[in-house]
């Protein structure tokens, strides 16, 4: 099986406020995700928590490149 890179990605997420609320101030919400890099394309990156012997991936997360602020390979 081909060795996969483990990456850490800092990315900007959308957010919501449930129910009745005052308007949100102008803020940014960053997420830090770590996973196996299973796809790296022009418009998005996909990471996964696990991979099987048959190369099937569990809990995939696809992040648009426009939302990624920083991505680095983990040692």
PDB file of N, CA and C in Angstrom:
ATOM      1  N   UNK A   1       0.842  -1.184   0.000  1.00  0.00           N
ATOM      2  CA  UNK A   1       0.000   0.000   0.000  1.00  0.00           C
ATOM      3  C   UNK A   1       0.889   1.250   0.000  1.00  0.00           C
ATOM      4  N   UNK A   2       0.567   2.205  -0.841  1.00  0.00           N
ATOM      5  CA  UNK A   2       1.305   3.455  -0.935  1.00  0.00           C
ATOM      6  C   UNK A   2       1.178   4.233   0.382  1.00  0.00           C
ATOM      7  N   UNK A   3       2.297   4.780   0.845  1.00  0.00           N
ATOM      8  CA  UNK A   3       2.298   5.543   2.084  1.00  0.00           C
ATOM      9  C   UNK A   3       1.615   6.891   1.862  1.00  0.00           C
ATOM     10  N   UNK A   4       0.704   7.239   2.763  1.00  0.00           N
ATOM     11  CA  UNK A   4      -0.013   8.504   2.686  1.00  0.00           C
ATOM     12  C   UNK A   4       0.636   9.530   3.609  1.00  0.00           C
ATOM     13  N   UNK A   5       0.592  10.799   3.212  1.00  0.00           N
ATOM     14  CA  UNK A   5       1.093  11.873   4.061  1.00  0.00           C
ATOM     15  C   UNK A   5       0.034  12.210   5.111  1.00  0.00           C
ATOM     16  N   UNK A   6       0.496  12.547   6.296  1.00  0.00           N
ATOM     17  CA  UNK A   6      -0.386  13.086   7.329  1.00  0.00           C
ATOM     18  C   UNK A   6      -0.178  14.593   7.311  1.00  0.00           C
ATOM     19  N   UNK A   7      -1.279  15.346   7.202  1.00  0.00           N
ATOM     20  CA  UNK A   7      -1.186  16.799   7.110  1.00  0.00           C
ATOM     21  C   UNK A   7      -2.028  17.471   8.183  1.00  0.00           C
ATOM     22  N   UNK A   8      -1.632  18.692   8.505  1.00  0.00           N
ATOM     23  CA  UNK A   8      -2.388  19.561   9.397  1.00  0.00           C
ATOM     24  C   UNK A   8      -2.856  20.744   8.547  1.00  0.00           C
ATOM     25  N   UNK A   9      -4.152  21.031   8.589  1.00  0.00           N
ATOM     26  CA  UNK A   9      -4.712  22.105   7.779  1.00  0.00           C
ATOM     27  C   UNK A   9      -5.439  23.098   8.678  1.00  0.00           C
ATOM     28  N   UNK A  10      -5.066  24.376   8.559  1.00  0.00           N
ATOM     29  CA  UNK A  10      -5.806  25.457   9.209  1.00  0.00           C
ATOM     30  C   UNK A  10      -6.687  26.072   8.131  1.00  0.00           C
ATOM     31  N   UNK A  11      -8.004  26.107   8.398  1.00  0.00           N
ATOM     32  CA  UNK A  11      -8.915  26.607   7.374  1.00  0.00           C
ATOM     33  C   UNK A  11     -10.039  27.431   7.999  1.00  0.00           C
ATOM     34  N   UNK A  12     -10.569  28.344   7.205  1.00  0.00           N
ATOM     35  CA  UNK A  12     -11.636  29.232   7.658  1.00  0.00           C
ATOM     36  C   UNK A  12     -12.985  28.605   7.339  1.00  0.00           C
ATOM     37  N   UNK A  13     -13.831  28.521   8.358  1.00  0.00           N
ATOM     38  CA  UNK A  13     -15.128  27.871   8.219  1.00  0.00           C
ATOM     39  C   UNK A  13     -16.254  28.904   8.279  1.00  0.00           C
ATOM     40  N   UNK A  14     -17.386  28.533   7.731  1.00  0.00           N
ATOM     41  CA  UNK A  14     -18.610  29.317   7.898  1.00  0.00           C
ATOM     42  C   UNK A  14     -19.177  28.997   9.270  1.00  0.00           C
ATOM     43  N   UNK A  15     -20.084  29.830   9.751  1.00  0.00           N
ATOM     44  CA  UNK A  15     -20.698  29.531  11.034  1.00  0.00           C
ATOM     45  C   UNK A  15     -22.140  30.002  11.038  1.00  0.00           C
ATOM     46  N   UNK A  16     -22.904  29.460  11.958  1.00  0.00           N
ATOM     47  CA  UNK A  16     -24.314  29.786  12.078  1.00  0.00           C
ATOM     48  C   UNK A  16     -24.661  29.988  13.542  1.00  0.00           C
ATOM     49  N   UNK A  17     -25.765  30.653  13.767  1.00  0.00           N
ATOM     50  CA  UNK A  17     -26.257  30.884  15.117  1.00  0.00           C
ATOM     51  C   UNK A  17     -27.698  30.372  15.163  1.00  0.00           C
ATOM     52  N   UNK A  18     -27.978  29.337  15.966  1.00  0.00           N
ATOM     53  CA  UNK A  18     -29.329  28.773  15.987  1.00  0.00           C
ATOM     54  C   UNK A  18     -30.337  29.684  16.699  1.00  0.00           C
ATOM     55  N   UNK A  19     -31.567  29.633  16.257  1.00  0.00           N
ATOM     56  CA  UNK A  19     -32.639  30.405  16.907  1.00  0.00           C
ATOM     57  C   UNK A  19     -32.518  31.901  16.661  1.00  0.00           C
ATOM     58  N   UNK A  20     -33.237  32.663  17.479  1.00  0.00           N
ATOM     59  CA  UNK A  20     -33.222  34.124  17.372  1.00  0.00           C
ATOM     60  C   UNK A  20     -31.957  34.658  18.004  1.00  0.00           C
ATOM     61  N   UNK A  21     -31.315  35.595  17.320  1.00  0.00           N
ATOM     62  CA  UNK A  21     -30.052  36.121  17.815  1.00  0.00           C
ATOM     63  C   UNK A  21     -29.815  37.504  17.230  1.00  0.00           C
ATOM     64  N   UNK A  22     -28.922  38.256  17.837  1.00  0.00           N
ATOM     65  CA  UNK A  22     -28.500  39.548  17.292  1.00  0.00           C
ATOM     66  C   UNK A  22     -27.538  39.287  16.142  1.00  0.00           C
ATOM     67  N   UNK A  23     -27.379  40.266  15.234  1.00  0.00           N
ATOM     68  CA  UNK A  23     -26.429  40.072  14.129  1.00  0.00           C
ATOM     69  C   UNK A  23     -25.034  39.781  14.663  1.00  0.00           C
ATOM     70  N   UNK A  24     -24.343  38.873  13.986  1.00  0.00           N
ATOM     71  CA  UNK A  24     -22.983  38.508  14.382  1.00  0.00           C
ATOM     72  C   UNK A  24     -22.013  39.618  14.001  1.00  0.00           C
ATOM     73  N   UNK A  25     -21.027  39.807  14.853  1.00  0.00           N
ATOM     74  CA  UNK A  25     -19.982  40.771  14.497  1.00  0.00           C
ATOM     75  C   UNK A  25     -19.118  40.147  13.404  1.00  0.00           C
ATOM     76  N   UNK A  26     -18.358  40.979  12.766  1.00  0.00           N
ATOM     77  CA  UNK A  26     -17.484  40.503  11.697  1.00  0.00           C
ATOM     78  C   UNK A  26     -16.337  39.718  12.307  1.00  0.00           C
ATOM     79  N   UNK A  27     -16.437  38.407  12.291  1.00  0.00           N
ATOM     80  CA  UNK A  27     -15.405  37.566  12.885  1.00  0.00           C
ATOM     81  C   UNK A  27     -15.047  36.423  11.963  1.00  0.00           C
ATOM     82  N   UNK A  28     -13.939  35.810  12.253  1.00  0.00           N
ATOM     83  CA  UNK A  28     -13.501  34.649  11.486  1.00  0.00           C
ATOM     84  C   UNK A  28     -13.439  33.456  12.416  1.00  0.00           C
ATOM     85  N   UNK A  29     -13.771  32.303  11.875  1.00  0.00           N
ATOM     86  CA  UNK A  29     -13.749  31.071  12.640  1.00  0.00           C
ATOM     87  C   UNK A  29     -12.813  30.087  11.950  1.00  0.00           C
ATOM     88  N   UNK A  30     -11.719  29.773  12.631  1.00  0.00           N
ATOM     89  CA  UNK A  30     -10.717  28.883  12.058  1.00  0.00           C
ATOM     90  C   UNK A  30     -10.831  27.493  12.667  1.00  0.00           C
ATOM     91  N   UNK A  31     -10.602  26.502  11.836  1.00  0.00           N
ATOM     92  CA  UNK A  31     -10.615  25.104  12.230  1.00  0.00           C
ATOM     93  C   UNK A  31      -9.218  24.545  11.973  1.00  0.00           C
ATOM     94  N   UNK A  32      -8.758  23.673  12.862  1.00  0.00           N
ATOM     95  CA  UNK A  32      -7.487  22.984  12.673  1.00  0.00           C
ATOM     96  C   UNK A  32      -7.805  21.503  12.535  1.00  0.00           C
ATOM     97  N   UNK A  33      -7.535  20.932  11.365  1.00  0.00           N
ATOM     98  CA  UNK A  33      -7.834  19.527  11.077  1.00  0.00           C
ATOM     99  C   UNK A  33      -6.552  18.783  10.753  1.00  0.00           C
ATOM    100  N   UNK A  34      -6.479  17.521  11.197  1.00  0.00           N
ATOM    101  CA  UNK A  34      -5.328  16.657  10.923  1.00  0.00           C
ATOM    102  C   UNK A  34      -5.856  15.359  10.327  1.00  0.00           C
ATOM    103  N   UNK A  35      -5.221  14.873   9.261  1.00  0.00           N
ATOM    104  CA  UNK A  35      -5.668  13.622   8.660  1.00  0.00           C
ATOM    105  C   UNK A  35      -4.737  13.131   7.575  1.00  0.00           C
ATOM    106  N   UNK A  36      -5.098  11.977   7.020  1.00  0.00           N
ATOM    107  CA  UNK A  36      -4.367  11.400   5.896  1.00  0.00           C
ATOM    108  C   UNK A  36      -4.758  12.148   4.628  1.00  0.00           C
ATOM    109  N   UNK A  37      -3.787  12.622   3.885  1.00  0.00           N
ATOM    110  CA  UNK A  37      -4.054  13.337   2.638  1.00  0.00           C
ATOM    111  C   UNK A  37      -4.407  12.321   1.557  1.00  0.00           C
ATOM    112  N   UNK A  38      -5.679  12.269   1.172  1.00  0.00           N
ATOM    113  CA  UNK A  38      -6.123  11.274   0.190  1.00  0.00           C
ATOM    114  C   UNK A  38      -6.389  11.870  -1.191  1.00  0.00           C
ATOM    115  N   UNK A  39      -6.533  13.209  -1.270  1.00  0.00           N
ATOM    116  CA  UNK A  39      -6.743  13.860  -2.565  1.00  0.00           C
ATOM    117  C   UNK A  39      -6.258  15.306  -2.463  1.00  0.00           C
ATOM    118  N   UNK A  40      -5.546  15.742  -3.486  1.00  0.00           N
ATOM    119  CA  UNK A  40      -5.078  17.113  -3.557  1.00  0.00           C
ATOM    120  C   UNK A  40      -5.313  17.600  -4.975  1.00  0.00           C
ATOM    121  N   UNK A  41      -6.349  18.421  -5.148  1.00  0.00           N
ATOM    122  CA  UNK A  41      -6.707  18.913  -6.464  1.00  0.00           C
ATOM    123  C   UNK A  41      -6.560  20.417  -6.588  1.00  0.00           C
ATOM    124  N   UNK A  42      -6.907  20.932  -7.752  1.00  0.00           N
ATOM    125  CA  UNK A  42      -6.796  22.363  -8.036  1.00  0.00           C
ATOM    126  C   UNK A  42      -7.723  23.185  -7.140  1.00  0.00           C
ATOM    127  N   UNK A  43      -8.933  22.653  -6.864  1.00  0.00           N
ATOM    128  CA  UNK A  43      -9.936  23.425  -6.128  1.00  0.00           C
ATOM    129  C   UNK A  43     -10.187  22.951  -4.702  1.00  0.00           C
ATOM    130  N   UNK A  44      -9.688  21.769  -4.345  1.00  0.00           N
ATOM    131  CA  UNK A  44      -9.960  21.245  -3.003  1.00  0.00           C
ATOM    132  C   UNK A  44      -8.910  20.235  -2.569  1.00  0.00           C
ATOM    133  N   UNK A  45      -8.922  19.966  -1.257  1.00  0.00           N
ATOM    134  CA  UNK A  45      -8.057  18.976  -0.624  1.00  0.00           C
ATOM    135  C   UNK A  45      -8.955  18.081   0.215  1.00  0.00           C
ATOM    136  N   UNK A  46      -8.714  16.765   0.192  1.00  0.00           N
ATOM    137  CA  UNK A  46      -9.503  15.833   0.998  1.00  0.00           C
ATOM    138  C   UNK A  46      -8.581  15.070   1.934  1.00  0.00           C
ATOM    139  N   UNK A  47      -8.980  15.036   3.221  1.00  0.00           N
ATOM    140  CA  UNK A  47      -8.273  14.240   4.213  1.00  0.00           C
ATOM    141  C   UNK A  47      -9.231  13.193   4.774  1.00  0.00           C
ATOM    142  N   UNK A  48      -8.659  12.176   5.402  1.00  0.00           N
ATOM    143  CA  UNK A  48      -9.436  11.064   5.939  1.00  0.00           C
ATOM    144  C   UNK A  48      -8.860  10.655   7.292  1.00  0.00           C
ATOM    145  N   UNK A  49      -9.709  10.039   8.131  1.00  0.00           N
ATOM    146  CA  UNK A  49      -9.236   9.577   9.435  1.00  0.00           C
ATOM    147  C   UNK A  49      -8.587   8.203   9.351  1.00  0.00           C
ATOM    148  N   UNK A  50      -9.018   7.371   8.398  1.00  0.00           N
ATOM    149  CA  UNK A  50      -8.543   5.988   8.314  1.00  0.00           C
ATOM    150  C   UNK A  50      -8.588   5.494   6.880  1.00  0.00           C
ATOM    151  N   UNK A  51      -7.758   4.465   6.595  1.00  0.00           N
ATOM    152  CA  UNK A  51      -7.766   3.830   5.282  1.00  0.00           C
ATOM    153  C   UNK A  51      -7.704   2.320   5.485  1.00  0.00           C
ATOM    154  N   UNK A  52      -8.487   1.577   4.682  1.00  0.00           N
ATOM    155  CA  UNK A  52      -8.512   0.119   4.781  1.00  0.00           C
ATOM    156  C   UNK A  52      -7.485  -0.504   3.831  1.00  0.00           C
ATOM    157  N   UNK A  53      -7.286  -1.816   3.941  1.00  0.00           N
ATOM    158  CA  UNK A  53      -6.368  -2.520   3.047  1.00  0.00           C
ATOM    159  C   UNK A  53      -6.833  -2.434   1.595  1.00  0.00           C
ATOM    160  N   UNK A  54      -8.134  -2.265   1.395  1.00  0.00           N
ATOM    161  CA  UNK A  54      -8.686  -2.177   0.037  1.00  0.00           C
ATOM    162  C   UNK A  54      -8.771  -0.733  -0.465  1.00  0.00           C
ATOM    163  N   UNK A  55      -8.075   0.140   0.224  1.00  0.00           N
ATOM    164  CA  UNK A  55      -7.977   1.551  -0.175  1.00  0.00           C
ATOM    165  C   UNK A  55      -9.334   2.270  -0.150  1.00  0.00           C
ATOM    166  N   UNK A  56     -10.111   1.969   0.893  1.00  0.00           N
ATOM    167  CA  UNK A  56     -11.357   2.700   1.122  1.00  0.00           C
ATOM    168  C   UNK A  56     -11.128   3.607   2.322  1.00  0.00           C
ATOM    169  N   UNK A  57     -11.688   4.816   2.262  1.00  0.00           N
ATOM    170  CA  UNK A  57     -11.397   5.839   3.264  1.00  0.00           C
ATOM    171  C   UNK A  57     -12.609   6.104   4.144  1.00  0.00           C
ATOM    172  N   UNK A  58     -12.342   6.373   5.433  1.00  0.00           N
ATOM    173  CA  UNK A  58     -13.404   6.652   6.390  1.00  0.00           C
ATOM    174  C   UNK A  58     -13.371   8.124   6.791  1.00  0.00           C
ATOM    175  N   UNK A  59     -14.557   8.682   6.985  1.00  0.00           N
ATOM    176  CA  UNK A  59     -14.711  10.054   7.498  1.00  0.00           C
ATOM    177  C   UNK A  59     -13.894  11.068   6.693  1.00  0.00           C
ATOM    178  N   UNK A  60     -14.170  11.147   5.411  1.00  0.00           N
ATOM    179  CA  UNK A  60     -13.457  12.083   4.547  1.00  0.00           C
ATOM    180  C   UNK A  60     -13.960  13.512   4.768  1.00  0.00           C
ATOM    181  N   UNK A  61     -13.031  14.446   4.720  1.00  0.00           N
ATOM    182  CA  UNK A  61     -13.342  15.871   4.831  1.00  0.00           C
ATOM    183  C   UNK A  61     -12.719  16.567   3.632  1.00  0.00           C
ATOM    184  N   UNK A  62     -13.547  17.209   2.808  1.00  0.00           N
ATOM    185  CA  UNK A  62     -13.057  17.946   1.645  1.00  0.00           C
ATOM    186  C   UNK A  62     -13.135  19.434   1.961  1.00  0.00           C
ATOM    187  N   UNK A  63     -12.010  20.119   1.818  1.00  0.00           N
ATOM    188  CA  UNK A  63     -11.905  21.542   2.154  1.00  0.00           C
ATOM    189  C   UNK A  63     -11.575  22.316   0.883  1.00  0.00           C
ATOM    190  N   UNK A  64     -12.363  23.341   0.548  1.00  0.00           N
ATOM    191  CA  UNK A  64     -12.030  24.157  -0.625  1.00  0.00           C
ATOM    192  C   UNK A  64     -10.687  24.865  -0.430  1.00  0.00           C
ATOM    193  N   UNK A  65      -9.892  24.905  -1.468  1.00  0.00           N
ATOM    194  CA  UNK A  65      -8.590  25.584  -1.376  1.00  0.00           C
ATOM    195  C   UNK A  65      -8.744  27.046  -0.966  1.00  0.00           C
ATOM    196  N   UNK A  66      -9.851  27.670  -1.365  1.00  0.00           N
ATOM    197  CA  UNK A  66     -10.063  29.084  -1.018  1.00  0.00           C
ATOM    198  C   UNK A  66     -10.223  29.288   0.486  1.00  0.00           C
ATOM    199  N   UNK A  67     -10.553  28.243   1.234  1.00  0.00           N
ATOM    200  CA  UNK A  67     -10.721  28.345   2.686  1.00  0.00           C
ATOM    201  C   UNK A  67      -9.443  27.999   3.448  1.00  0.00           C
ATOM    202  N   UNK A  68      -8.480  27.370   2.779  1.00  0.00           N
ATOM    203  CA  UNK A  68      -7.256  26.933   3.452  1.00  0.00           C
ATOM    204  C   UNK A  68      -6.313  28.103   3.655  1.00  0.00           C
ATOM    205  N   UNK A  69      -5.921  28.281   4.913  1.00  0.00           N
ATOM    206  CA  UNK A  69      -4.977  29.353   5.263  1.00  0.00           C
ATOM    207  C   UNK A  69      -3.554  28.828   5.378  1.00  0.00           C
ATOM    208  N   UNK A  70      -3.423  27.560   5.825  1.00  0.00           N
ATOM    209  CA  UNK A  70      -2.099  26.971   5.987  1.00  0.00           C
ATOM    210  C   UNK A  70      -2.244  25.445   5.960  1.00  0.00           C
ATOM    211  N   UNK A  71      -1.314  24.779   5.290  1.00  0.00           N
ATOM    212  CA  UNK A  71      -1.294  23.317   5.271  1.00  0.00           C
ATOM    213  C   UNK A  71       0.156  22.874   5.386  1.00  0.00           C
ATOM    214  N   UNK A  72       0.402  21.947   6.332  1.00  0.00           N
ATOM    215  CA  UNK A  72       1.765  21.463   6.484  1.00  0.00           C
ATOM    216  C   UNK A  72       1.780  19.964   6.721  1.00  0.00           C
ATOM    217  N   UNK A  73       2.851  19.344   6.254  1.00  0.00           N
ATOM    218  CA  UNK A  73       3.048  17.906   6.437  1.00  0.00           C
ATOM    219  C   UNK A  73       3.483  17.650   7.869  1.00  0.00           C
ATOM    220  N   UNK A  74       2.915  16.639   8.498  1.00  0.00           N
ATOM    221  CA  UNK A  74       3.288  16.262   9.854  1.00  0.00           C
ATOM    222  C   UNK A  74       4.411  15.217   9.768  1.00  0.00           C
ATOM    223  N   UNK A  75       5.280  15.205  10.719  1.00  0.00           N
ATOM    224  CA  UNK A  75       6.379  14.243  10.770  1.00  0.00           C
ATOM    225  C   UNK A  75       5.950  13.014  11.519  1.00  0.00           C
TER     226      UNK A  75
END
